[in-house]
Structure formats: structure tokens, C-alpha cells
Amino acid sequence: MRFVVTGEWTRNRLLQTIVVLYVLYVAGLCVTNALLYFSKMGLGADSVVAYYLGSEERFLSPRSFQGLLEVSHFHFFAMGMLLLVLTHLMLFVPIRGGLKAWLIAVPFLSGFLDEGAGWLVRFVHPGFAYAKIAGFLLLETSLVLLVAVSLWSVFAGSQRSYESNGDPPLGADDAGGP
């Protein structure tokens, strides 16, 4: 972290390489996530309802409680780790604090919406299919934005320390001890 705070970020090619490779993996996740989504349902509410509630025409069984639980269990862990790392990068990007807050909050909230809306479609009301679609689109869009901002930050070469963003630099308050 000191590389980013001290400005060494722009001179540390290995750190930049790690960030670039990580966001390329995230870009791959976005692509495979979209392919998985569209292999099961579309952007129409009827396809989302058919996926979660079943469809005799398509020979689909309704999603089971156990099946949804297993998917959610894995997704909450994996998406939490992914978003922790990816949004953490936003702390070091030289943009306004308000925009950073949005870039951090929206992916987490859209992830919850994307995951939770399937449960709501299955066990509460089919009308939540629109929330599922919105959650998916918002999550994908926010991940793509995080990837783009991270890459821009690495290649722009204009990294600034916390001081230029109005935040105190790390270690500024520990010079005098506890």
C-alpha cells in the first residue's frame, strides 16, 4: 500500500503489472458471468420467472431452496472477496471522494440485489424479476467501470497521494505515539 500512498506506484512496474493482470481476470469474470446469465435467461422478465419458477414448455424445474442456498453461499464469499479487492483499488485512484464512494458502494449493493432478487422471484413474487435484471446489469456495469478506472489509473501515470484528495496521508497521526 505504501507504493500507492507515496507515489511510488507510478514507478513500480511490478505493482502495475499485478493490478493489470488482476483486472484482466475480473474482465474475464464479467464475460463469463454474462455468458452464464444469458445461457439461462434473458433480459425479459418472463425468462427470469421461467428460470426461477420453472417452465413446462422449456422442461425447467423450479429452482430449489437447496440449490439457491448453495449458489448464494458460494457467491457471497467469492463476490465479497472480488469486490473487496477491486473496490480497494479505488482508494488509490486520483478522483473525487464522492465518485470513489459511488464506485465502492454500487458494486456491493448491486451484488446483493443480483443475488437476492432470484430468491425474491422464487419465494415472494415474480415481479421481482425486474430487480434481478437490474441487479445483473448494474453489477456488470459497475465491474466494467471498476476495471476501466483501475486500468486508467495504472496507465494514466498521474497517481497522487491521499493528501491531494483531501484525505490525511497514512502515518500522519502516528508521529507522536499513542
Protein backbone atom coordinates (compact mmCIF):
# COMPACT_ATOMS: atom_id res chain seq x y z
CA MET A 1 0.00 0.00 0.00
CA ARG A 2 2.86 2.41 0.67
CA PHE A 3 3.68 2.33 -3.06
CA VAL A 4 0.37 3.98 -3.84
CA VAL A 5 0.37 6.44 -0.95
CA THR A 6 3.92 7.64 -1.50
CA GLY A 7 3.53 7.95 -5.27
CA GLU A 8 5.97 5.13 -6.00
CA TRP A 9 3.01 3.46 -7.71
CA THR A 10 3.83 5.18 -10.98
CA ARG A 11 7.40 3.86 -10.89
CA ASN A 12 6.73 0.33 -9.68
CA ARG A 13 6.14 -1.70 -12.84
CA LEU A 14 5.67 -4.94 -10.93
CA LEU A 15 2.82 -3.50 -8.87
CA GLN A 16 1.25 -2.07 -12.01
CA THR A 17 1.58 -5.47 -13.69
CA ILE A 18 -0.19 -7.16 -10.77
CA VAL A 19 -3.08 -4.69 -10.94
CA VAL A 20 -3.39 -5.01 -14.71
CA LEU A 21 -3.38 -8.82 -14.59
CA TYR A 22 -5.92 -8.82 -11.76
CA VAL A 23 -8.35 -6.56 -13.59
CA LEU A 24 -7.94 -8.69 -16.71
CA TYR A 25 -9.10 -11.66 -14.64
CA VAL A 26 -12.05 -9.57 -13.47
CA ALA A 27 -12.82 -8.68 -17.09
CA GLY A 28 -12.86 -12.41 -17.84
CA LEU A 29 -15.24 -12.89 -14.94
CA CYS A 30 -17.56 -10.24 -16.41
CA VAL A 31 -17.61 -12.01 -19.76
CA THR A 32 -18.22 -15.48 -18.31
CA ASN A 33 -20.83 -14.09 -15.90
CA ALA A 34 -22.74 -12.59 -18.81
CA LEU A 35 -22.45 -15.78 -20.84
CA LEU A 36 -23.75 -17.84 -17.91
CA TYR A 37 -26.61 -15.43 -17.30
CA PHE A 38 -27.70 -15.37 -20.94
CA SER A 39 -27.40 -19.15 -21.27
CA LYS A 40 -30.07 -19.47 -18.56
CA MET A 41 -32.26 -16.40 -19.06
CA GLY A 42 -32.50 -13.12 -20.91
CA LEU A 43 -33.31 -9.51 -20.17
CA GLY A 44 -37.03 -10.17 -20.29
CA ALA A 45 -38.89 -10.69 -17.04
CA ASP A 46 -40.63 -13.78 -18.45
CA SER A 47 -37.31 -15.59 -18.96
CA VAL A 48 -36.19 -14.77 -15.41
CA VAL A 49 -39.50 -16.00 -13.98
CA ALA A 50 -39.29 -19.19 -16.06
CA TYR A 51 -35.76 -19.84 -14.79
CA TYR A 52 -36.66 -19.46 -11.11
CA LEU A 53 -40.24 -20.76 -11.11
CA GLY A 54 -39.85 -23.39 -13.80
CA SER A 55 -41.40 -23.76 -17.23
CA GLU A 56 -43.28 -26.73 -18.60
CA GLU A 57 -42.69 -25.55 -22.18
CA ARG A 58 -38.91 -25.47 -21.63
CA PHE A 59 -38.90 -28.51 -19.32
CA LEU A 60 -37.40 -26.44 -16.48
CA SER A 61 -37.95 -27.36 -12.86
CA PRO A 62 -38.31 -24.57 -10.32
CA ARG A 63 -35.07 -23.63 -8.51
CA SER A 64 -34.96 -25.43 -5.20
CA PHE A 65 -34.26 -23.84 -1.84
CA GLN A 66 -31.16 -26.04 -1.52
CA GLY A 67 -29.94 -25.12 -4.99
CA LEU A 68 -30.34 -21.38 -4.39
CA LEU A 69 -28.70 -21.71 -0.99
CA GLU A 70 -25.62 -23.44 -2.44
CA VAL A 71 -25.24 -20.83 -5.18
CA SER A 72 -25.71 -17.95 -2.72
CA HIS A 73 -23.26 -19.46 -0.26
CA PHE A 74 -20.51 -19.54 -2.87
CA HIS A 75 -21.44 -16.20 -4.45
CA PHE A 76 -21.46 -14.27 -1.18
CA PHE A 77 -17.95 -15.44 -0.40
CA ALA A 78 -16.48 -15.13 -3.88
CA MET A 79 -18.16 -11.84 -4.78
CA GLY A 80 -17.28 -10.40 -1.39
CA MET A 81 -13.59 -11.17 -1.94
CA LEU A 82 -13.67 -9.93 -5.51
CA LEU A 83 -15.35 -6.68 -4.55
CA LEU A 84 -13.11 -6.19 -1.53
CA VAL A 85 -10.01 -6.28 -3.69
CA LEU A 86 -11.41 -4.43 -6.69
CA THR A 87 -13.06 -1.61 -4.74
CA HIS A 88 -9.97 -1.32 -2.53
CA LEU A 89 -8.09 -0.17 -5.64
CA MET A 90 -10.48 2.80 -5.85
CA LEU A 91 -8.99 4.21 -2.66
CA PHE A 92 -5.81 5.00 -4.58
CA VAL A 93 -7.30 6.38 -7.77
CA PRO A 94 -6.93 10.15 -8.16
CA ILE A 95 -10.63 11.04 -8.42
CA ARG A 96 -13.07 12.92 -6.18
CA GLY A 97 -14.08 11.29 -2.91
CA GLY A 98 -17.80 11.31 -3.78
CA LEU A 99 -17.19 9.43 -7.00
CA LYS A 100 -14.98 6.95 -5.15
CA ALA A 101 -17.78 6.35 -2.65
CA TRP A 102 -20.19 5.54 -5.50
CA LEU A 103 -17.65 3.29 -7.22
CA ILE A 104 -17.27 1.39 -3.94
CA ALA A 105 -20.91 1.23 -2.79
CA VAL A 106 -22.72 0.47 -6.06
CA PRO A 107 -20.94 -2.82 -6.84
CA PHE A 108 -21.65 -4.18 -3.35
CA LEU A 109 -25.30 -3.09 -3.43
CA SER A 110 -25.85 -4.40 -6.95
CA GLY A 111 -24.25 -7.71 -5.96
CA PHE A 112 -26.73 -8.06 -3.11
CA LEU A 113 -29.58 -7.09 -5.43
CA ASP A 114 -28.47 -9.54 -8.11
CA GLU A 115 -28.20 -12.40 -5.62
CA GLY A 116 -31.25 -11.56 -3.53
CA ALA A 117 -33.65 -10.89 -6.38
CA GLY A 118 -33.53 -14.53 -7.51
CA TRP A 119 -34.69 -15.57 -4.05
CA LEU A 120 -37.44 -12.96 -4.19
CA VAL A 121 -38.64 -14.16 -7.60
CA ARG A 122 -38.71 -17.76 -6.43
CA PHE A 123 -40.27 -17.33 -2.99
CA VAL A 124 -42.01 -13.94 -2.87
CA HIS A 125 -43.35 -12.66 -6.22
CA PRO A 126 -42.49 -12.98 -9.92
CA GLY A 127 -42.46 -9.17 -10.18
CA PHE A 128 -39.01 -9.20 -8.63
CA ALA A 129 -37.71 -10.43 -11.99
CA TYR A 130 -37.15 -6.79 -12.90
CA ALA A 131 -34.97 -6.39 -9.81
CA LYS A 132 -32.95 -9.43 -10.91
CA ILE A 133 -32.40 -7.93 -14.35
CA ALA A 134 -31.49 -4.54 -12.87
CA GLY A 135 -29.13 -6.16 -10.36
CA PHE A 136 -27.36 -8.13 -13.06
CA LEU A 137 -26.98 -5.13 -15.39
CA LEU A 138 -25.85 -2.84 -12.57
CA LEU A 139 -23.34 -5.37 -11.26
CA GLU A 140 -21.86 -6.00 -14.70
CA THR A 141 -21.71 -2.28 -15.46
CA SER A 142 -20.10 -1.45 -12.12
CA LEU A 143 -17.50 -4.21 -12.54
CA VAL A 144 -16.64 -2.93 -16.01
CA LEU A 145 -16.33 0.61 -14.63
CA LEU A 146 -14.05 -0.58 -11.82
CA VAL A 147 -11.88 -2.40 -14.35
CA ALA A 148 -11.75 0.64 -16.63
CA VAL A 149 -10.94 3.07 -13.80
CA SER A 150 -8.26 0.73 -12.45
CA LEU A 151 -6.63 0.41 -15.87
CA TRP A 152 -6.88 4.16 -16.44
CA SER A 153 -5.23 4.73 -13.08
CA VAL A 154 -2.32 2.44 -13.92
CA PHE A 155 -1.75 3.81 -17.42
CA ALA A 156 -2.52 7.49 -16.80
CA GLY A 157 0.65 7.83 -14.72
CA SER A 158 -0.82 10.62 -12.65
CA GLN A 159 -1.15 8.92 -9.30
CA ARG A 160 -1.44 11.29 -6.38
CA SER A 161 -1.16 10.61 -2.69
CA TYR A 162 -4.07 10.87 -0.27
CA GLU A 163 -3.05 14.43 0.51
CA SER A 164 -4.19 15.69 -2.89
CA ASN A 165 -7.59 14.02 -2.41
CA GLY A 166 -8.21 15.70 0.93
CA ASP A 167 -7.56 12.58 2.99
CA PRO A 168 -4.74 12.51 5.52
CA PRO A 169 -1.64 10.60 4.46
CA LEU A 170 -1.04 7.28 6.15
CA GLY A 171 1.12 7.60 9.23
CA ALA A 172 0.42 11.33 9.63
CA ASP A 173 -1.14 10.84 13.03
CA ASP A 174 1.29 8.31 14.48
CA ALA A 175 4.40 10.51 14.75
CA GLY A 176 3.67 11.33 18.38
CA GLY A 177 2.85 7.77 19.52
CA PRO A 178 -0.43 6.51 21.03
